[in-house]
Amino acid sequence: CFMLGFHWEPEEDGRATVSFACRLHADLAQFSTPVPLPGTPYYEEVRRLGYLEEPRWEELDSFSGHRLKFPQLTGERIAELLREAYRTYYLRPAWAWRFLSWALRRPELLGQFWRLASAYFRRRKAGRI
């Protein structure tokens, strides 16, 4: 799991994290953002610094960004960086080749891939990605 979007981190650091993940050539990668949950030191810190807007709890998760106002990154920009991270990692030719080699050994992966790709494009069309 790679974390992007800490309040002390400039955008370039997030891009460097994605680049590092790509160089590792891991089979899978998960990119997430830190979520300031009440009662945690992170929540208290971002609240004290004035970076946390009034949270809508149904929107707080580690995959879609959140309502933060960092000096260098908005919650919307963090969410976009997260989408870019997944596109950069999983649309690389090296990863596509690896997936194809898996699928040749386990054809059921093609069905799984089709379902994931379909879900992705439905969410994209609906504006949720």
N, C-alpha and C. Protein backbone atom coordinates (compact mmCIF):
# COMPACT_ATOMS: atom_id res chain seq x y z
N CYS A 1 0.85 -1.18 0.00
CA CYS A 1 0.00 0.00 0.00
C CYS A 1 0.89 1.24 0.00
N PHE A 2 0.60 2.15 -0.91
CA PHE A 2 1.35 3.39 -1.00
C PHE A 2 0.42 4.54 -0.63
N MET A 3 0.88 5.40 0.25
CA MET A 3 0.07 6.52 0.73
C MET A 3 0.45 7.79 -0.02
N LEU A 4 -0.57 8.52 -0.47
CA LEU A 4 -0.39 9.78 -1.17
C LEU A 4 -1.23 10.85 -0.48
N GLY A 5 -0.72 12.07 -0.42
CA GLY A 5 -1.53 13.18 0.02
C GLY A 5 -1.45 13.56 1.48
N PHE A 6 -0.32 13.35 2.11
CA PHE A 6 -0.16 13.87 3.48
C PHE A 6 -0.04 15.39 3.41
N HIS A 7 -0.42 16.07 4.48
CA HIS A 7 -0.43 17.53 4.45
C HIS A 7 0.97 18.15 4.36
N TRP A 8 1.99 17.43 4.69
CA TRP A 8 3.36 17.96 4.59
C TRP A 8 4.01 17.62 3.26
N GLU A 9 3.31 16.90 2.41
CA GLU A 9 3.89 16.35 1.20
C GLU A 9 3.51 17.19 -0.02
N PRO A 10 4.49 17.71 -0.75
CA PRO A 10 4.15 18.39 -2.01
C PRO A 10 3.72 17.38 -3.07
N GLU A 11 3.07 17.87 -4.09
CA GLU A 11 2.57 17.00 -5.16
C GLU A 11 3.69 16.17 -5.78
N GLU A 12 4.88 16.74 -5.90
CA GLU A 12 6.02 16.03 -6.50
C GLU A 12 6.36 14.77 -5.70
N ASP A 13 6.19 14.80 -4.38
CA ASP A 13 6.46 13.61 -3.57
C ASP A 13 5.49 12.49 -3.90
N GLY A 14 4.24 12.85 -4.12
CA GLY A 14 3.26 11.83 -4.51
C GLY A 14 3.62 11.19 -5.84
N ARG A 15 4.04 12.02 -6.78
CA ARG A 15 4.46 11.48 -8.08
C ARG A 15 5.69 10.59 -7.93
N ALA A 16 6.61 10.97 -7.06
CA ALA A 16 7.81 10.16 -6.82
C ALA A 16 7.42 8.82 -6.19
N THR A 17 6.41 8.81 -5.34
CA THR A 17 5.93 7.57 -4.72
C THR A 17 5.39 6.63 -5.80
N VAL A 18 4.63 7.16 -6.73
CA VAL A 18 4.09 6.34 -7.83
C VAL A 18 5.22 5.81 -8.70
N SER A 19 6.18 6.65 -8.99
CA SER A 19 7.33 6.22 -9.78
C SER A 19 8.08 5.08 -9.08
N PHE A 20 8.26 5.21 -7.77
CA PHE A 20 8.92 4.16 -6.98
C PHE A 20 8.12 2.86 -7.06
N ALA A 21 6.80 2.97 -6.93
CA ALA A 21 5.95 1.77 -7.00
C ALA A 21 6.13 1.08 -8.34
N CYS A 22 6.20 1.85 -9.41
CA CYS A 22 6.38 1.26 -10.74
C CYS A 22 7.73 0.56 -10.87
N ARG A 23 8.76 1.15 -10.28
CA ARG A 23 10.09 0.53 -10.36
C ARG A 23 10.17 -0.76 -9.56
N LEU A 24 9.30 -0.95 -8.57
CA LEU A 24 9.31 -2.19 -7.78
C LEU A 24 8.80 -3.39 -8.56
N HIS A 25 7.97 -3.14 -9.57
CA HIS A 25 7.40 -4.21 -10.39
C HIS A 25 6.63 -5.23 -9.56
N ALA A 26 5.94 -4.77 -8.54
CA ALA A 26 5.11 -5.67 -7.74
C ALA A 26 3.92 -6.15 -8.58
N ASP A 27 3.39 -7.32 -8.23
CA ASP A 27 2.24 -7.84 -8.96
C ASP A 27 1.05 -6.90 -8.85
N LEU A 28 0.82 -6.37 -7.67
CA LEU A 28 -0.31 -5.49 -7.41
C LEU A 28 0.15 -4.31 -6.57
N ALA A 29 -0.57 -3.20 -6.69
CA ALA A 29 -0.28 -2.03 -5.87
C ALA A 29 -1.60 -1.40 -5.46
N GLN A 30 -1.65 -0.92 -4.25
CA GLN A 30 -2.81 -0.17 -3.77
C GLN A 30 -2.34 1.22 -3.39
N PHE A 31 -3.05 2.22 -3.86
CA PHE A 31 -2.74 3.60 -3.52
C PHE A 31 -3.89 4.14 -2.70
N SER A 32 -3.58 4.79 -1.61
CA SER A 32 -4.59 5.32 -0.71
C SER A 32 -4.16 6.67 -0.19
N THR A 33 -5.09 7.36 0.43
CA THR A 33 -4.78 8.63 1.09
C THR A 33 -5.00 8.47 2.58
N PRO A 34 -4.25 9.20 3.38
CA PRO A 34 -4.50 9.13 4.82
C PRO A 34 -5.84 9.77 5.14
N VAL A 35 -6.62 9.13 5.99
CA VAL A 35 -7.93 9.63 6.36
C VAL A 35 -7.87 10.13 7.80
N PRO A 36 -8.22 11.40 8.03
CA PRO A 36 -8.19 11.94 9.39
C PRO A 36 -9.43 11.51 10.18
N LEU A 37 -9.34 10.37 10.83
CA LEU A 37 -10.46 9.85 11.61
C LEU A 37 -10.46 10.48 13.00
N PRO A 38 -11.64 10.86 13.51
CA PRO A 38 -11.71 11.46 14.85
C PRO A 38 -11.05 10.56 15.89
N GLY A 39 -10.35 11.21 16.80
CA GLY A 39 -9.68 10.48 17.87
C GLY A 39 -8.26 10.07 17.54
N THR A 40 -7.84 10.28 16.29
CA THR A 40 -6.47 9.93 15.92
C THR A 40 -5.59 11.17 15.98
N PRO A 41 -4.30 10.99 16.21
CA PRO A 41 -3.39 12.13 16.19
C PRO A 41 -3.42 12.89 14.86
N TYR A 42 -3.58 12.16 13.75
CA TYR A 42 -3.62 12.82 12.44
C TYR A 42 -4.84 13.76 12.36
N TYR A 43 -5.98 13.30 12.81
CA TYR A 43 -7.18 14.13 12.82
C TYR A 43 -6.95 15.40 13.64
N GLU A 44 -6.41 15.23 14.83
CA GLU A 44 -6.18 16.38 15.70
C GLU A 44 -5.21 17.37 15.06
N GLU A 45 -4.19 16.85 14.38
CA GLU A 45 -3.19 17.73 13.76
C GLU A 45 -3.79 18.52 12.60
N VAL A 46 -4.50 17.86 11.68
CA VAL A 46 -5.04 18.59 10.54
C VAL A 46 -6.16 19.54 10.99
N ARG A 47 -6.86 19.16 12.04
CA ARG A 47 -7.90 20.07 12.58
C ARG A 47 -7.25 21.30 13.22
N ARG A 48 -6.20 21.07 14.01
CA ARG A 48 -5.49 22.17 14.67
C ARG A 48 -4.91 23.14 13.64
N LEU A 49 -4.42 22.62 12.53
CA LEU A 49 -3.82 23.44 11.49
C LEU A 49 -4.86 24.11 10.60
N GLY A 50 -6.13 23.76 10.78
CA GLY A 50 -7.20 24.36 9.98
C GLY A 50 -7.35 23.77 8.60
N TYR A 51 -6.87 22.56 8.38
CA TYR A 51 -6.91 21.93 7.06
C TYR A 51 -8.17 21.10 6.82
N LEU A 52 -8.91 20.81 7.86
CA LEU A 52 -10.07 19.93 7.75
C LEU A 52 -11.34 20.76 7.66
N GLU A 53 -12.03 20.64 6.53
CA GLU A 53 -13.34 21.26 6.41
C GLU A 53 -14.31 20.44 7.23
N GLU A 54 -15.49 20.95 7.40
CA GLU A 54 -16.51 20.18 8.12
C GLU A 54 -16.71 18.86 7.38
N PRO A 55 -16.36 17.76 8.01
CA PRO A 55 -16.40 16.49 7.28
C PRO A 55 -17.82 15.99 7.05
N ARG A 56 -18.00 15.38 5.89
CA ARG A 56 -19.20 14.60 5.61
C ARG A 56 -18.73 13.16 5.71
N TRP A 57 -19.08 12.49 6.75
CA TRP A 57 -18.49 11.19 7.06
C TRP A 57 -18.69 10.17 5.96
N GLU A 58 -19.78 10.29 5.22
CA GLU A 58 -19.99 9.33 4.14
C GLU A 58 -18.99 9.52 3.00
N GLU A 59 -18.28 10.65 2.98
CA GLU A 59 -17.28 10.91 1.93
C GLU A 59 -15.86 10.58 2.37
N LEU A 60 -15.67 10.25 3.62
CA LEU A 60 -14.32 10.00 4.10
C LEU A 60 -13.93 8.55 3.87
N ASP A 61 -13.03 8.34 2.93
CA ASP A 61 -12.43 7.03 2.73
C ASP A 61 -11.06 7.24 2.12
N SER A 62 -10.29 6.19 2.07
CA SER A 62 -8.90 6.34 1.65
C SER A 62 -8.70 6.20 0.14
N PHE A 63 -9.80 6.13 -0.61
CA PHE A 63 -9.66 5.95 -2.06
C PHE A 63 -10.16 7.12 -2.88
N SER A 64 -10.98 7.98 -2.30
CA SER A 64 -11.58 9.03 -3.13
C SER A 64 -11.19 10.44 -2.71
N GLY A 65 -10.21 10.56 -1.87
CA GLY A 65 -9.86 11.90 -1.39
C GLY A 65 -10.84 12.31 -0.31
N HIS A 66 -10.74 13.51 0.15
CA HIS A 66 -11.62 13.94 1.22
C HIS A 66 -11.62 15.45 1.30
N ARG A 67 -12.35 15.96 2.24
CA ARG A 67 -12.55 17.40 2.34
C ARG A 67 -11.43 18.04 3.16
N LEU A 68 -10.29 18.18 2.52
CA LEU A 68 -9.14 18.80 3.16
C LEU A 68 -8.72 20.02 2.36
N LYS A 69 -8.15 20.99 3.04
CA LYS A 69 -7.66 22.20 2.38
C LYS A 69 -6.20 22.40 2.78
N PHE A 70 -5.31 21.65 2.16
CA PHE A 70 -3.89 21.83 2.44
C PHE A 70 -3.39 23.03 1.63
N PRO A 71 -2.35 23.70 2.11
CA PRO A 71 -1.83 24.83 1.33
C PRO A 71 -1.38 24.42 -0.07
N GLN A 72 -0.82 23.23 -0.22
CA GLN A 72 -0.27 22.83 -1.52
C GLN A 72 -1.19 21.90 -2.32
N LEU A 73 -2.19 21.28 -1.68
CA LEU A 73 -3.07 20.34 -2.37
C LEU A 73 -4.49 20.43 -1.81
N THR A 74 -5.47 20.41 -2.69
CA THR A 74 -6.86 20.35 -2.25
C THR A 74 -7.27 18.88 -2.19
N GLY A 75 -8.37 18.61 -1.54
CA GLY A 75 -8.90 17.25 -1.53
C GLY A 75 -9.20 16.75 -2.93
N GLU A 76 -9.71 17.65 -3.78
CA GLU A 76 -9.99 17.27 -5.17
C GLU A 76 -8.71 16.89 -5.91
N ARG A 77 -7.64 17.65 -5.68
CA ARG A 77 -6.37 17.35 -6.35
C ARG A 77 -5.79 16.04 -5.84
N ILE A 78 -5.94 15.78 -4.55
CA ILE A 78 -5.47 14.51 -3.99
C ILE A 78 -6.22 13.35 -4.64
N ALA A 79 -7.54 13.50 -4.80
CA ALA A 79 -8.33 12.45 -5.45
C ALA A 79 -7.87 12.24 -6.89
N GLU A 80 -7.55 13.33 -7.59
CA GLU A 80 -7.05 13.20 -8.96
C GLU A 80 -5.68 12.51 -8.99
N LEU A 81 -4.81 12.83 -8.05
CA LEU A 81 -3.52 12.15 -7.97
C LEU A 81 -3.69 10.66 -7.74
N LEU A 82 -4.67 10.30 -6.95
CA LEU A 82 -4.96 8.90 -6.69
C LEU A 82 -5.38 8.20 -7.99
N ARG A 83 -6.25 8.83 -8.75
CA ARG A 83 -6.66 8.25 -10.04
C ARG A 83 -5.47 8.14 -10.98
N GLU A 84 -4.64 9.19 -11.02
CA GLU A 84 -3.44 9.15 -11.86
C GLU A 84 -2.51 8.02 -11.44
N ALA A 85 -2.39 7.80 -10.14
CA ALA A 85 -1.50 6.74 -9.64
C ALA A 85 -1.95 5.37 -10.18
N TYR A 86 -3.25 5.09 -10.08
CA TYR A 86 -3.76 3.81 -10.58
C TYR A 86 -3.58 3.70 -12.10
N ARG A 87 -3.87 4.76 -12.83
CA ARG A 87 -3.69 4.71 -14.28
C ARG A 87 -2.22 4.49 -14.63
N THR A 88 -1.34 5.23 -13.98
CA THR A 88 0.09 5.11 -14.27
C THR A 88 0.59 3.71 -13.98
N TYR A 89 0.17 3.14 -12.86
CA TYR A 89 0.68 1.83 -12.46
C TYR A 89 0.11 0.72 -13.35
N TYR A 90 -1.20 0.69 -13.51
CA TYR A 90 -1.84 -0.45 -14.16
C TYR A 90 -1.93 -0.34 -15.68
N LEU A 91 -1.63 0.80 -16.25
CA LEU A 91 -1.66 0.91 -17.71
C LEU A 91 -0.26 0.87 -18.32
N ARG A 92 0.71 0.46 -17.53
CA ARG A 92 2.08 0.30 -18.05
C ARG A 92 2.17 -0.96 -18.91
N PRO A 93 2.93 -0.92 -19.99
CA PRO A 93 3.10 -2.13 -20.80
C PRO A 93 3.64 -3.32 -19.98
N ALA A 94 4.54 -3.06 -19.05
CA ALA A 94 5.11 -4.16 -18.25
C ALA A 94 4.03 -4.85 -17.43
N TRP A 95 3.11 -4.07 -16.85
CA TRP A 95 2.05 -4.69 -16.06
C TRP A 95 1.06 -5.42 -16.96
N ALA A 96 0.75 -4.83 -18.12
CA ALA A 96 -0.17 -5.48 -19.06
C ALA A 96 0.40 -6.83 -19.52
N TRP A 97 1.69 -6.86 -19.79
CA TRP A 97 2.34 -8.11 -20.20
C TRP A 97 2.26 -9.14 -19.08
N ARG A 98 2.51 -8.71 -17.87
CA ARG A 98 2.44 -9.62 -16.72
C ARG A 98 1.03 -10.17 -16.58
N PHE A 99 0.02 -9.30 -16.71
CA PHE A 99 -1.36 -9.76 -16.59
C PHE A 99 -1.69 -10.76 -17.69
N LEU A 100 -1.25 -10.48 -18.90
CA LEU A 100 -1.49 -11.39 -20.01
C LEU A 100 -0.87 -12.76 -19.75
N SER A 101 0.34 -12.77 -19.22
CA SER A 101 0.99 -14.06 -18.92
C SER A 101 0.21 -14.82 -17.84
N TRP A 102 -0.34 -14.10 -16.86
CA TRP A 102 -1.18 -14.76 -15.84
C TRP A 102 -2.43 -15.34 -16.50
N ALA A 103 -3.05 -14.54 -17.36
CA ALA A 103 -4.32 -14.94 -17.98
C ALA A 103 -4.13 -16.16 -18.87
N LEU A 104 -2.98 -16.29 -19.50
CA LEU A 104 -2.74 -17.47 -20.33
C LEU A 104 -2.65 -18.73 -19.48
N ARG A 105 -2.19 -18.59 -18.25
CA ARG A 105 -2.13 -19.74 -17.34
C ARG A 105 -3.44 -19.96 -16.60
N ARG A 106 -4.20 -18.88 -16.39
CA ARG A 106 -5.46 -18.97 -15.65
C ARG A 106 -6.52 -18.16 -16.39
N PRO A 107 -7.20 -18.75 -17.35
CA PRO A 107 -8.16 -18.02 -18.19
C PRO A 107 -9.28 -17.33 -17.42
N GLU A 108 -9.61 -17.81 -16.23
CA GLU A 108 -10.68 -17.16 -15.45
C GLU A 108 -10.33 -15.71 -15.10
N LEU A 109 -9.03 -15.37 -15.15
CA LEU A 109 -8.62 -14.00 -14.88
C LEU A 109 -9.13 -13.04 -15.94
N LEU A 110 -9.33 -13.53 -17.18
CA LEU A 110 -9.87 -12.65 -18.22
C LEU A 110 -11.29 -12.19 -17.86
N GLY A 111 -12.09 -13.10 -17.31
CA GLY A 111 -13.43 -12.72 -16.87
C GLY A 111 -13.38 -11.70 -15.75
N GLN A 112 -12.47 -11.92 -14.81
CA GLN A 112 -12.31 -10.97 -13.72
C GLN A 112 -11.86 -9.61 -14.25
N PHE A 113 -10.92 -9.63 -15.17
CA PHE A 113 -10.45 -8.38 -15.77
C PHE A 113 -11.59 -7.67 -16.47
N TRP A 114 -12.40 -8.41 -17.22
CA TRP A 114 -13.52 -7.80 -17.92
C TRP A 114 -14.49 -7.14 -16.94
N ARG A 115 -14.77 -7.81 -15.84
CA ARG A 115 -15.68 -7.22 -14.83
C ARG A 115 -15.08 -5.96 -14.22
N LEU A 116 -13.80 -5.99 -13.90
CA LEU A 116 -13.15 -4.81 -13.33
C LEU A 116 -13.11 -3.66 -14.32
N ALA A 117 -12.76 -3.96 -15.57
CA ALA A 117 -12.71 -2.90 -16.59
C ALA A 117 -14.11 -2.32 -16.82
N SER A 118 -15.13 -3.17 -16.86
CA SER A 118 -16.50 -2.69 -17.05
C SER A 118 -16.92 -1.78 -15.90
N ALA A 119 -16.60 -2.18 -14.68
CA ALA A 119 -16.94 -1.37 -13.51
C ALA A 119 -16.21 -0.03 -13.56
N TYR A 120 -14.96 -0.06 -13.97
CA TYR A 120 -14.17 1.17 -14.08
C TYR A 120 -14.83 2.14 -15.06
N PHE A 121 -15.18 1.64 -16.25
CA PHE A 121 -15.74 2.52 -17.26
C PHE A 121 -17.15 2.99 -16.89
N ARG A 122 -17.92 2.17 -16.18
CA ARG A 122 -19.22 2.65 -15.70
C ARG A 122 -19.06 3.78 -14.69
N ARG A 123 -18.10 3.61 -13.77
CA ARG A 123 -17.85 4.67 -12.77
C ARG A 123 -17.33 5.93 -13.45
N ARG A 124 -16.47 5.75 -14.43
CA ARG A 124 -15.93 6.91 -15.16
C ARG A 124 -17.03 7.66 -15.90
N LYS A 125 -17.90 6.91 -16.56
CA LYS A 125 -19.01 7.53 -17.28
C LYS A 125 -19.93 8.28 -16.32
N ALA A 126 -20.12 7.75 -15.13
CA ALA A 126 -20.98 8.39 -14.12
C ALA A 126 -20.29 9.57 -13.43
N GLY A 127 -19.01 9.78 -13.75
CA GLY A 127 -18.28 10.90 -13.16
C GLY A 127 -17.74 10.63 -11.77
N ARG A 128 -17.68 9.37 -11.38
CA ARG A 128 -17.15 9.02 -10.06
C ARG A 128 -15.69 8.66 -10.08
N ILE A 129 -15.07 8.73 -11.25
CA ILE A 129 -13.63 8.50 -11.36
C ILE A 129 -13.04 9.63 -12.17
